[in-house]
Amino acid sequence: MGLSDVYSGLVAATGLPVAYRAFNADDAPGTPFIVYYVVERDDERADDSAYVKNNSINVELYTDKKNLGLEEKLELFFDEKNIIYLVSEDDIPDEKMMVRTYEFDLMEEV
């Protein structure tokens, strides 16, 4: 599974607008929406070449209020792909939103 598979899987699982890192100001949707991005990349190397790409990924679900149905859809996608994740949740009072963040590692053979 690669980074592009994460994008297509998030869209298929939720039907929500999804963007890498951020939406353009012109295209910014209302809630709910998803943003995902690579936090850190640590390739495993041997003989001067990478043989495994290890990306630490964050997937952020933005909603105007708690949405158990969307959370369930996302978590089902992760479970089906055998993705082990950590989850956290925060309010964003200035934006009148909340964000639920899923953190996981995505290893991809080169």
PDB file of N, CA and C in Angstrom:
ATOM      1  N   MET A   1       0.846  -1.178   0.000  1.00  0.00           N
ATOM      2  CA  MET A   1       0.000   0.000   0.000  1.00  0.00           C
ATOM      3  C   MET A   1       0.881   1.227   0.000  1.00  0.00           C
ATOM      4  N   GLY A   2       0.636   2.142  -0.916  1.00  0.00           N
ATOM      5  CA  GLY A   2       1.413   3.369  -1.019  1.00  0.00           C
ATOM      6  C   GLY A   2       0.602   4.585  -0.615  1.00  0.00           C
ATOM      7  N   LEU A   3       1.221   5.734  -0.687  1.00  0.00           N
ATOM      8  CA  LEU A   3       0.585   6.990  -0.282  1.00  0.00           C
ATOM      9  C   LEU A   3      -0.648   7.291  -1.139  1.00  0.00           C
ATOM     10  N   SER A   4      -0.588   7.008  -2.429  1.00  0.00           N
ATOM     11  CA  SER A   4      -1.752   7.256  -3.293  1.00  0.00           C
ATOM     12  C   SER A   4      -2.915   6.334  -2.917  1.00  0.00           C
ATOM     13  N   ASP A   5      -2.601   5.134  -2.410  1.00  0.00           N
ATOM     14  CA  ASP A   5      -3.644   4.223  -1.958  1.00  0.00           C
ATOM     15  C   ASP A   5      -4.335   4.759  -0.707  1.00  0.00           C
ATOM     16  N   VAL A   6      -3.595   5.477   0.118  1.00  0.00           N
ATOM     17  CA  VAL A   6      -4.191   6.093   1.305  1.00  0.00           C
ATOM     18  C   VAL A   6      -5.239   7.102   0.850  1.00  0.00           C
ATOM     19  N   TYR A   7      -4.883   7.954  -0.107  1.00  0.00           N
ATOM     20  CA  TYR A   7      -5.827   8.953  -0.627  1.00  0.00           C
ATOM     21  C   TYR A   7      -7.086   8.284  -1.169  1.00  0.00           C
ATOM     22  N   SER A   8      -6.919   7.346  -2.092  1.00  0.00           N
ATOM     23  CA  SER A   8      -8.089   6.717  -2.713  1.00  0.00           C
ATOM     24  C   SER A   8      -8.909   5.934  -1.689  1.00  0.00           C
ATOM     25  N   GLY A   9      -8.247   5.314  -0.722  1.00  0.00           N
ATOM     26  CA  GLY A   9      -8.957   4.580   0.321  1.00  0.00           C
ATOM     27  C   GLY A   9      -9.775   5.490   1.217  1.00  0.00           C
ATOM     28  N   LEU A  10      -9.227   6.659   1.563  1.00  0.00           N
ATOM     29  CA  LEU A  10      -9.954   7.616   2.404  1.00  0.00           C
ATOM     30  C   LEU A  10     -11.194   8.134   1.686  1.00  0.00           C
ATOM     31  N   VAL A  11     -11.041   8.441   0.384  1.00  0.00           N
ATOM     32  CA  VAL A  11     -12.180   8.923  -0.408  1.00  0.00           C
ATOM     33  C   VAL A  11     -13.245   7.835  -0.501  1.00  0.00           C
ATOM     34  N   ALA A  12     -12.830   6.614  -0.835  1.00  0.00           N
ATOM     35  CA  ALA A  12     -13.780   5.512  -0.989  1.00  0.00           C
ATOM     36  C   ALA A  12     -14.481   5.178   0.328  1.00  0.00           C
ATOM     37  N   ALA A  13     -13.752   5.205   1.426  1.00  0.00           N
ATOM     38  CA  ALA A  13     -14.313   4.827   2.725  1.00  0.00           C
ATOM     39  C   ALA A  13     -15.301   5.851   3.266  1.00  0.00           C
ATOM     40  N   THR A  14     -15.043   7.133   2.990  1.00  0.00           N
ATOM     41  CA  THR A  14     -15.848   8.177   3.629  1.00  0.00           C
ATOM     42  C   THR A  14     -16.694   9.005   2.665  1.00  0.00           C
ATOM     43  N   GLY A  15     -16.274   9.119   1.400  1.00  0.00           N
ATOM     44  CA  GLY A  15     -16.971   9.990   0.459  1.00  0.00           C
ATOM     45  C   GLY A  15     -16.725  11.469   0.723  1.00  0.00           C
ATOM     46  N   LEU A  16     -15.768  11.773   1.590  1.00  0.00           N
ATOM     47  CA  LEU A  16     -15.487  13.167   1.958  1.00  0.00           C
ATOM     48  C   LEU A  16     -14.428  13.785   1.047  1.00  0.00           C
ATOM     49  N   PRO A  17     -14.373  15.123   1.005  1.00  0.00           N
ATOM     50  CA  PRO A  17     -13.250  15.780   0.343  1.00  0.00           C
ATOM     51  C   PRO A  17     -11.962  15.455   1.106  1.00  0.00           C
ATOM     52  N   VAL A  18     -10.907  15.113   0.361  1.00  0.00           N
ATOM     53  CA  VAL A  18      -9.624  14.732   0.955  1.00  0.00           C
ATOM     54  C   VAL A  18      -8.526  15.522   0.254  1.00  0.00           C
ATOM     55  N   ALA A  19      -7.580  16.047   1.023  1.00  0.00           N
ATOM     56  CA  ALA A  19      -6.454  16.787   0.457  1.00  0.00           C
ATOM     57  C   ALA A  19      -5.168  16.387   1.150  1.00  0.00           C
ATOM     58  N   TYR A  20      -4.078  16.475   0.401  1.00  0.00           N
ATOM     59  CA  TYR A  20      -2.765  16.282   1.000  1.00  0.00           C
ATOM     60  C   TYR A  20      -2.329  17.607   1.613  1.00  0.00           C
ATOM     61  N   ARG A  21      -2.040  17.617   2.879  1.00  0.00           N
ATOM     62  CA  ARG A  21      -1.588  18.737   3.688  1.00  0.00           C
ATOM     63  C   ARG A  21      -2.649  19.819   3.910  1.00  0.00           C
ATOM     64  N   ALA A  22      -3.244  20.366   2.839  1.00  0.00           N
ATOM     65  CA  ALA A  22      -4.240  21.437   2.999  1.00  0.00           C
ATOM     66  C   ALA A  22      -5.014  21.623   1.703  1.00  0.00           C
ATOM     67  N   PHE A  23      -6.184  22.201   1.812  1.00  0.00           N
ATOM     68  CA  PHE A  23      -6.950  22.597   0.635  1.00  0.00           C
ATOM     69  C   PHE A  23      -6.509  23.996   0.213  1.00  0.00           C
ATOM     70  N   ASN A  24      -6.620  24.303  -1.058  1.00  0.00           N
ATOM     71  CA  ASN A  24      -6.397  25.678  -1.518  1.00  0.00           C
ATOM     72  C   ASN A  24      -7.502  26.552  -0.939  1.00  0.00           C
ATOM     73  N   ALA A  25      -7.195  27.807  -0.700  1.00  0.00           N
ATOM     74  CA  ALA A  25      -8.191  28.725  -0.140  1.00  0.00           C
ATOM     75  C   ALA A  25      -9.440  28.778  -1.019  1.00  0.00           C
ATOM     76  N   ASP A  26      -9.271  28.685  -2.337  1.00  0.00           N
ATOM     77  CA  ASP A  26     -10.405  28.733  -3.272  1.00  0.00           C
ATOM     78  C   ASP A  26     -11.267  27.471  -3.207  1.00  0.00           C
ATOM     79  N   ASP A  27     -10.648  26.339  -2.839  1.00  0.00           N
ATOM     80  CA  ASP A  27     -11.335  25.052  -2.869  1.00  0.00           C
ATOM     81  C   ASP A  27     -11.709  24.525  -1.493  1.00  0.00           C
ATOM     82  N   ALA A  28     -11.520  25.304  -0.469  1.00  0.00           N
ATOM     83  CA  ALA A  28     -11.742  24.814   0.898  1.00  0.00           C
ATOM     84  C   ALA A  28     -13.207  24.425   1.089  1.00  0.00           C
ATOM     85  N   PRO A  29     -13.454  23.157   1.447  1.00  0.00           N
ATOM     86  CA  PRO A  29     -14.829  22.722   1.669  1.00  0.00           C
ATOM     87  C   PRO A  29     -15.283  23.056   3.085  1.00  0.00           C
ATOM     88  N   GLY A  30     -16.565  22.947   3.321  1.00  0.00           N
ATOM     89  CA  GLY A  30     -17.067  23.020   4.686  1.00  0.00           C
ATOM     90  C   GLY A  30     -16.812  21.684   5.365  1.00  0.00           C
ATOM     91  N   THR A  31     -17.036  21.635   6.654  1.00  0.00           N
ATOM     92  CA  THR A  31     -16.859  20.371   7.367  1.00  0.00           C
ATOM     93  C   THR A  31     -17.995  19.427   7.001  1.00  0.00           C
ATOM     94  N   PRO A  32     -17.759  18.145   7.040  1.00  0.00           N
ATOM     95  CA  PRO A  32     -16.519  17.448   7.372  1.00  0.00           C
ATOM     96  C   PRO A  32     -15.597  17.315   6.169  1.00  0.00           C
ATOM     97  N   PHE A  33     -14.295  17.199   6.460  1.00  0.00           N
ATOM     98  CA  PHE A  33     -13.293  16.937   5.431  1.00  0.00           C
ATOM     99  C   PHE A  33     -12.094  16.269   6.075  1.00  0.00           C
ATOM    100  N   ILE A  34     -11.190  15.753   5.214  1.00  0.00           N
ATOM    101  CA  ILE A  34     -10.010  15.038   5.690  1.00  0.00           C
ATOM    102  C   ILE A  34      -8.763  15.645   5.068  1.00  0.00           C
ATOM    103  N   VAL A  35      -7.726  15.764   5.883  1.00  0.00           N
ATOM    104  CA  VAL A  35      -6.394  16.167   5.425  1.00  0.00           C
ATOM    105  C   VAL A  35      -5.426  15.082   5.887  1.00  0.00           C
ATOM    106  N   TYR A  36      -4.517  14.694   5.000  1.00  0.00           N
ATOM    107  CA  TYR A  36      -3.504  13.713   5.385  1.00  0.00           C
ATOM    108  C   TYR A  36      -2.143  14.208   4.920  1.00  0.00           C
ATOM    109  N   TYR A  37      -1.087  13.748   5.589  1.00  0.00           N
ATOM    110  CA  TYR A  37       0.257  14.190   5.236  1.00  0.00           C
ATOM    111  C   TYR A  37       1.307  13.293   5.877  1.00  0.00           C
ATOM    112  N   VAL A  38       2.499  13.356   5.307  1.00  0.00           N
ATOM    113  CA  VAL A  38       3.638  12.623   5.845  1.00  0.00           C
ATOM    114  C   VAL A  38       4.285  13.490   6.912  1.00  0.00           C
ATOM    115  N   VAL A  39       4.427  12.951   8.106  1.00  0.00           N
ATOM    116  CA  VAL A  39       5.049  13.663   9.214  1.00  0.00           C
ATOM    117  C   VAL A  39       6.566  13.484   9.142  1.00  0.00           C
ATOM    118  N   GLU A  40       6.976  12.249   8.846  1.00  0.00           N
ATOM    119  CA  GLU A  40       8.402  11.924   8.833  1.00  0.00           C
ATOM    120  C   GLU A  40       8.603  10.726   7.921  1.00  0.00           C
ATOM    121  N   ARG A  41       9.755  10.685   7.266  1.00  0.00           N
ATOM    122  CA  ARG A  41      10.089   9.541   6.431  1.00  0.00           C
ATOM    123  C   ARG A  41      11.456   9.024   6.842  1.00  0.00           C
ATOM    124  N   ASP A  42      11.523   7.732   7.052  1.00  0.00           N
ATOM    125  CA  ASP A  42      12.763   7.104   7.482  1.00  0.00           C
ATOM    126  C   ASP A  42      12.965   5.846   6.644  1.00  0.00           C
ATOM    127  N   ASP A  43      13.717   5.974   5.552  1.00  0.00           N
ATOM    128  CA  ASP A  43      13.944   4.845   4.661  1.00  0.00           C
ATOM    129  C   ASP A  43      14.950   3.877   5.262  1.00  0.00           C
ATOM    130  N   GLU A  44      14.723   2.601   5.011  1.00  0.00           N
ATOM    131  CA  GLU A  44      15.690   1.586   5.396  1.00  0.00           C
ATOM    132  C   GLU A  44      16.572   1.334   4.189  1.00  0.00           C
ATOM    133  N   ARG A  45      17.884   1.353   4.424  1.00  0.00           N
ATOM    134  CA  ARG A  45      18.838   1.281   3.319  1.00  0.00           C
ATOM    135  C   ARG A  45      19.823   0.146   3.516  1.00  0.00           C
ATOM    136  N   ALA A  46      20.319  -0.333   2.379  1.00  0.00           N
ATOM    137  CA  ALA A  46      21.412  -1.303   2.354  1.00  0.00           C
ATOM    138  C   ALA A  46      22.091  -1.169   0.999  1.00  0.00           C
ATOM    139  N   ASP A  47      23.380  -1.339   0.982  1.00  0.00           N
ATOM    140  CA  ASP A  47      24.144  -1.244  -0.265  1.00  0.00           C
ATOM    141  C   ASP A  47      23.859   0.050  -1.023  1.00  0.00           C
ATOM    142  N   ASP A  48      23.793   1.155  -0.293  1.00  0.00           N
ATOM    143  CA  ASP A  48      23.604   2.496  -0.866  1.00  0.00           C
ATOM    144  C   ASP A  48      22.282   2.701  -1.595  1.00  0.00           C
ATOM    145  N   SER A  49      21.250   1.940  -1.257  1.00  0.00           N
ATOM    146  CA  SER A  49      19.935   2.185  -1.852  1.00  0.00           C
ATOM    147  C   SER A  49      18.845   1.835  -0.845  1.00  0.00           C
ATOM    148  N   ALA A  50      17.718   2.536  -0.979  1.00  0.00           N
ATOM    149  CA  ALA A  50      16.580   2.282  -0.095  1.00  0.00           C
ATOM    150  C   ALA A  50      15.863   1.018  -0.549  1.00  0.00           C
ATOM    151  N   TYR A  51      15.490   0.191   0.400  1.00  0.00           N
ATOM    152  CA  TYR A  51      14.696  -0.979   0.051  1.00  0.00           C
ATOM    153  C   TYR A  51      13.320  -0.963   0.710  1.00  0.00           C
ATOM    154  N   VAL A  52      13.128  -0.090   1.687  1.00  0.00           N
ATOM    155  CA  VAL A  52      11.821   0.097   2.310  1.00  0.00           C
ATOM    156  C   VAL A  52      11.636   1.577   2.607  1.00  0.00           C
ATOM    157  N   LYS A  53      10.499   2.131   2.176  1.00  0.00           N
ATOM    158  CA  LYS A  53      10.124   3.490   2.540  1.00  0.00           C
ATOM    159  C   LYS A  53       9.230   3.388   3.771  1.00  0.00           C
ATOM    160  N   ASN A  54       9.585   4.074   4.823  1.00  0.00           N
ATOM    161  CA  ASN A  54       8.784   4.078   6.039  1.00  0.00           C
ATOM    162  C   ASN A  54       8.286   5.498   6.281  1.00  0.00           C
ATOM    163  N   ASN A  55       7.005   5.722   5.978  1.00  0.00           N
ATOM    164  CA  ASN A  55       6.388   7.028   6.162  1.00  0.00           C
ATOM    165  C   ASN A  55       5.525   7.030   7.416  1.00  0.00           C
ATOM    166  N   SER A  56       5.709   8.024   8.262  1.00  0.00           N
ATOM    167  CA  SER A  56       4.792   8.257   9.371  1.00  0.00           C
ATOM    168  C   SER A  56       3.719   9.202   8.849  1.00  0.00           C
ATOM    169  N   ILE A  57       2.468   8.756   8.906  1.00  0.00           N
ATOM    170  CA  ILE A  57       1.352   9.474   8.294  1.00  0.00           C
ATOM    171  C   ILE A  57       0.396   9.969   9.380  1.00  0.00           C
ATOM    172  N   ASN A  58      -0.137  11.166   9.179  1.00  0.00           N
ATOM    173  CA  ASN A  58      -1.253  11.660   9.977  1.00  0.00           C
ATOM    174  C   ASN A  58      -2.454  11.827   9.059  1.00  0.00           C
ATOM    175  N   VAL A  59      -3.609  11.357   9.510  1.00  0.00           N
ATOM    176  CA  VAL A  59      -4.884  11.581   8.834  1.00  0.00           C
ATOM    177  C   VAL A  59      -5.740  12.356   9.823  1.00  0.00           C
ATOM    178  N   GLU A  60      -6.211  13.529   9.395  1.00  0.00           N
ATOM    179  CA  GLU A  60      -6.997  14.384  10.278  1.00  0.00           C
ATOM    180  C   GLU A  60      -8.420  14.512   9.746  1.00  0.00           C
ATOM    181  N   LEU A  61      -9.372  14.149  10.578  1.00  0.00           N
ATOM    182  CA  LEU A  61     -10.788  14.277  10.257  1.00  0.00           C
ATOM    183  C   LEU A  61     -11.325  15.524  10.952  1.00  0.00           C
ATOM    184  N   TYR A  62     -11.756  16.509  10.153  1.00  0.00           N
ATOM    185  CA  TYR A  62     -12.295  17.764  10.686  1.00  0.00           C
ATOM    186  C   TYR A  62     -13.818  17.721  10.599  1.00  0.00           C
ATOM    187  N   THR A  63     -14.464  17.996  11.727  1.00  0.00           N
ATOM    188  CA  THR A  63     -15.919  18.029  11.787  1.00  0.00           C
ATOM    189  C   THR A  63     -16.360  19.220  12.633  1.00  0.00           C
ATOM    190  N   ASP A  64     -17.641  19.583  12.501  1.00  0.00           N
ATOM    191  CA  ASP A  64     -18.144  20.672  13.349  1.00  0.00           C
ATOM    192  C   ASP A  64     -18.627  20.149  14.697  1.00  0.00           C
ATOM    193  N   LYS A  65     -18.855  18.824  14.781  1.00  0.00           N
ATOM    194  CA  LYS A  65     -19.211  18.189  16.051  1.00  0.00           C
ATOM    195  C   LYS A  65     -18.815  16.720  15.957  1.00  0.00           C
ATOM    196  N   LYS A  66     -18.810  16.041  17.078  1.00  0.00           N
ATOM    197  CA  LYS A  66     -18.440  14.623  17.135  1.00  0.00           C
ATOM    198  C   LYS A  66     -19.281  13.839  16.127  1.00  0.00           C
ATOM    199  N   ASN A  67     -18.598  13.016  15.298  1.00  0.00           N
ATOM    200  CA  ASN A  67     -19.305  12.252  14.280  1.00  0.00           C
ATOM    201  C   ASN A  67     -18.851  10.791  14.337  1.00  0.00           C
ATOM    202  N   LEU A  68     -19.527  10.014  15.150  1.00  0.00           N
ATOM    203  CA  LEU A  68     -19.157   8.614  15.354  1.00  0.00           C
ATOM    204  C   LEU A  68     -19.250   7.802  14.067  1.00  0.00           C
ATOM    205  N   GLY A  69     -20.204   8.120  13.205  1.00  0.00           N
ATOM    206  CA  GLY A  69     -20.362   7.395  11.950  1.00  0.00           C
ATOM    207  C   GLY A  69     -19.144   7.542  11.040  1.00  0.00           C
ATOM    208  N   LEU A  70     -18.638   8.756  10.900  1.00  0.00           N
ATOM    209  CA  LEU A  70     -17.438   8.972  10.081  1.00  0.00           C
ATOM    210  C   LEU A  70     -16.210   8.341  10.714  1.00  0.00           C
ATOM    211  N   GLU A  71     -16.102   8.457  12.017  1.00  0.00           N
ATOM    212  CA  GLU A  71     -14.971   7.836  12.714  1.00  0.00           C
ATOM    213  C   GLU A  71     -14.979   6.326  12.495  1.00  0.00           C
ATOM    214  N   GLU A  72     -16.161   5.738  12.548  1.00  0.00           N
ATOM    215  CA  GLU A  72     -16.302   4.302  12.335  1.00  0.00           C
ATOM    216  C   GLU A  72     -15.874   3.913  10.915  1.00  0.00           C
ATOM    217  N   LYS A  73     -16.275   4.694   9.926  1.00  0.00           N
ATOM    218  CA  LYS A  73     -15.890   4.418   8.533  1.00  0.00           C
ATOM    219  C   LYS A  73     -14.372   4.472   8.363  1.00  0.00           C
ATOM    220  N   LEU A  74     -13.751   5.487   8.937  1.00  0.00           N
ATOM    221  CA  LEU A  74     -12.292   5.606   8.843  1.00  0.00           C
ATOM    222  C   LEU A  74     -11.605   4.430   9.527  1.00  0.00           C
ATOM    223  N   GLU A  75     -12.052   4.107  10.707  1.00  0.00           N
ATOM    224  CA  GLU A  75     -11.422   3.040  11.476  1.00  0.00           C
ATOM    225  C   GLU A  75     -11.642   1.675  10.821  1.00  0.00           C
ATOM    226  N   LEU A  76     -12.771   1.488  10.152  1.00  0.00           N
ATOM    227  CA  LEU A  76     -13.011   0.259   9.410  1.00  0.00           C
ATOM    228  C   LEU A  76     -12.023   0.154   8.239  1.00  0.00           C
ATOM    229  N   PHE A  77     -11.799   1.259   7.533  1.00  0.00           N
ATOM    230  CA  PHE A  77     -10.804   1.277   6.449  1.00  0.00           C
ATOM    231  C   PHE A  77      -9.432   0.877   6.987  1.00  0.00           C
ATOM    232  N   PHE A  78      -9.006   1.488   8.098  1.00  0.00           N
ATOM    233  CA  PHE A  78      -7.706   1.158   8.685  1.00  0.00           C
ATOM    234  C   PHE A  78      -7.650  -0.316   9.098  1.00  0.00           C
ATOM    235  N   ASP A  79      -8.705  -0.795   9.718  1.00  0.00           N
ATOM    236  CA  ASP A  79      -8.740  -2.188  10.159  1.00  0.00           C
ATOM    237  C   ASP A  79      -8.669  -3.150   8.973  1.00  0.00           C
ATOM    238  N   GLU A  80      -9.398  -2.849   7.907  1.00  0.00           N
ATOM    239  CA  GLU A  80      -9.381  -3.705   6.712  1.00  0.00           C
ATOM    240  C   GLU A  80      -8.002  -3.762   6.072  1.00  0.00           C
ATOM    241  N   LYS A  81      -7.242  -2.687   6.188  1.00  0.00           N
ATOM    242  CA  LYS A  81      -5.889  -2.618   5.609  1.00  0.00           C
ATOM    243  C   LYS A  81      -4.825  -3.027   6.620  1.00  0.00           C
ATOM    244  N   ASN A  82      -5.264  -3.505   7.791  1.00  0.00           N
ATOM    245  CA  ASN A  82      -4.344  -3.912   8.865  1.00  0.00           C
ATOM    246  C   ASN A  82      -3.400  -2.785   9.279  1.00  0.00           C
ATOM    247  N   ILE A  83      -3.935  -1.596   9.331  1.00  0.00           N
ATOM    248  CA  ILE A  83      -3.173  -0.421   9.762  1.00  0.00           C
ATOM    249  C   ILE A  83      -3.399  -0.230  11.259  1.00  0.00           C
ATOM    250  N   ILE A  84      -2.317  -0.271  12.002  1.00  0.00           N
ATOM    251  CA  ILE A  84      -2.378  -0.032  13.445  1.00  0.00           C
ATOM    252  C   ILE A  84      -2.152   1.461  13.666  1.00  0.00           C
ATOM    253  N   TYR A  85      -3.057   2.104  14.365  1.00  0.00           N
ATOM    254  CA  TYR A  85      -3.010   3.558  14.497  1.00  0.00           C
ATOM    255  C   TYR A  85      -3.166   4.000  15.944  1.00  0.00           C
ATOM    256  N   LEU A  86      -2.701   5.218  16.185  1.00  0.00           N
ATOM    257  CA  LEU A  86      -2.972   5.931  17.437  1.00  0.00           C
ATOM    258  C   LEU A  86      -3.968   7.019  17.101  1.00  0.00           C
ATOM    259  N   VAL A  87      -4.806   7.373  18.039  1.00  0.00           N
ATOM    260  CA  VAL A  87      -5.812   8.397  17.771  1.00  0.00           C
ATOM    261  C   VAL A  87      -5.817   9.436  18.889  1.00  0.00           C
ATOM    262  N   SER A  88      -6.018  10.687  18.486  1.00  0.00           N
ATOM    263  CA  SER A  88      -6.181  11.776  19.449  1.00  0.00           C
ATOM    264  C   SER A  88      -7.274  12.702  18.923  1.00  0.00           C
ATOM    265  N   GLU A  89      -7.773  13.550  19.810  1.00  0.00           N
ATOM    266  CA  GLU A  89      -8.892  14.417  19.443  1.00  0.00           C
ATOM    267  C   GLU A  89      -8.724  15.765  20.120  1.00  0.00           C
ATOM    268  N   ASP A  90      -8.983  16.829  19.372  1.00  0.00           N
ATOM    269  CA  ASP A  90      -8.863  18.180  19.919  1.00  0.00           C
ATOM    270  C   ASP A  90      -9.976  19.067  19.394  1.00  0.00           C
ATOM    271  N   ASP A  91     -10.342  20.043  20.199  1.00  0.00           N
ATOM    272  CA  ASP A  91     -11.257  21.095  19.756  1.00  0.00           C
ATOM    273  C   ASP A  91     -10.439  22.233  19.165  1.00  0.00           C
ATOM    274  N   ILE A  92     -11.028  22.916  18.190  1.00  0.00           N
ATOM    275  CA  ILE A  92     -10.429  24.119  17.614  1.00  0.00           C
ATOM    276  C   ILE A  92     -11.469  25.232  17.791  1.00  0.00           C
ATOM    277  N   PRO A  93     -11.505  25.853  18.981  1.00  0.00           N
ATOM    278  CA  PRO A  93     -12.569  26.811  19.307  1.00  0.00           C
ATOM    279  C   PRO A  93     -12.676  27.985  18.329  1.00  0.00           C
ATOM    280  N   ASP A  94     -11.550  28.519  17.871  1.00  0.00           N
ATOM    281  CA  ASP A  94     -11.580  29.667  16.962  1.00  0.00           C
ATOM    282  C   ASP A  94     -12.276  29.341  15.648  1.00  0.00           C
ATOM    283  N   GLU A  95     -12.184  28.088  15.221  1.00  0.00           N
ATOM    284  CA  GLU A  95     -12.783  27.657  13.953  1.00  0.00           C
ATOM    285  C   GLU A  95     -14.132  26.969  14.163  1.00  0.00           C
ATOM    286  N   LYS A  96     -14.519  26.776  15.430  1.00  0.00           N
ATOM    287  CA  LYS A  96     -15.745  26.057  15.772  1.00  0.00           C
ATOM    288  C   LYS A  96     -15.759  24.681  15.114  1.00  0.00           C
ATOM    289  N   MET A  97     -14.616  23.978  15.273  1.00  0.00           N
ATOM    290  CA  MET A  97     -14.438  22.644  14.714  1.00  0.00           C
ATOM    291  C   MET A  97     -13.759  21.767  15.735  1.00  0.00           C
ATOM    292  N   MET A  98     -13.740  20.490  15.404  1.00  0.00           N
ATOM    293  CA  MET A  98     -12.906  19.558  16.146  1.00  0.00           C
ATOM    294  C   MET A  98     -12.125  18.741  15.126  1.00  0.00           C
ATOM    295  N   VAL A  99     -10.991  18.224  15.570  1.00  0.00           N
ATOM    296  CA  VAL A  99     -10.155  17.395  14.701  1.00  0.00           C
ATOM    297  C   VAL A  99      -9.835  16.102  15.433  1.00  0.00           C
ATOM    298  N   ARG A 100      -9.982  15.010  14.714  1.00  0.00           N
ATOM    299  CA  ARG A 100      -9.608  13.688  15.225  1.00  0.00           C
ATOM    300  C   ARG A 100      -8.447  13.226  14.354  1.00  0.00           C
ATOM    301  N   THR A 101      -7.301  12.987  14.977  1.00  0.00           N
ATOM    302  CA  THR A 101      -6.071  12.659  14.254  1.00  0.00           C
ATOM    303  C   THR A 101      -5.722  11.193  14.442  1.00  0.00           C
ATOM    304  N   TYR A 102      -5.479  10.535  13.312  1.00  0.00           N
ATOM    305  CA  TYR A 102      -5.027   9.144  13.290  1.00  0.00           C
ATOM    306  C   TYR A 102      -3.574   9.144  12.843  1.00  0.00           C
ATOM    307  N   GLU A 103      -2.711   8.530  13.633  1.00  0.00           N
ATOM    308  CA  GLU A 103      -1.285   8.454  13.323  1.00  0.00           C
ATOM    309  C   GLU A 103      -0.905   7.000  13.091  1.00  0.00           C
ATOM    310  N   PHE A 104      -0.164   6.753  11.991  1.00  0.00           N
ATOM    311  CA  PHE A 104       0.276   5.387  11.714  1.00  0.00           C
ATOM    312  C   PHE A 104       1.510   5.400  10.826  1.00  0.00           C
ATOM    313  N   ASP A 105       2.195   4.267  10.783  1.00  0.00           N
ATOM    314  CA  ASP A 105       3.347   4.089   9.900  1.00  0.00           C
ATOM    315  C   ASP A 105       2.918   3.316   8.677  1.00  0.00           C
ATOM    316  N   LEU A 106       3.434   3.731   7.532  1.00  0.00           N
ATOM    317  CA  LEU A 106       3.138   3.079   6.271  1.00  0.00           C
ATOM    318  C   LEU A 106       4.453   2.648   5.651  1.00  0.00           C
ATOM    319  N   MET A 107       4.671   1.337   5.638  1.00  0.00           N
ATOM    320  CA  MET A 107       5.918   0.799   5.077  1.00  0.00           C
ATOM    321  C   MET A 107       5.630   0.313   3.660  1.00  0.00           C
ATOM    322  N   GLU A 108       6.527   0.690   2.749  1.00  0.00           N
ATOM    323  CA  GLU A 108       6.330   0.368   1.336  1.00  0.00           C
ATOM    324  C   GLU A 108       7.658  -0.132   0.782  1.00  0.00           C
ATOM    325  N   GLU A 109       7.654  -1.338   0.230  1.00  0.00           N
ATOM    326  CA  GLU A 109       8.881  -1.864  -0.366  1.00  0.00           C
ATOM    327  C   GLU A 109       9.164  -1.137  -1.675  1.00  0.00           C
ATOM    328  N   VAL A 110      10.458  -0.877  -1.902  1.00  0.00           N
ATOM    329  CA  VAL A 110      10.879  -0.165  -3.115  1.00  0.00           C
ATOM    330  C   VAL A 110      11.136  -1.167  -4.220  1.00  0.00           C
TER     331      VAL A 110
END
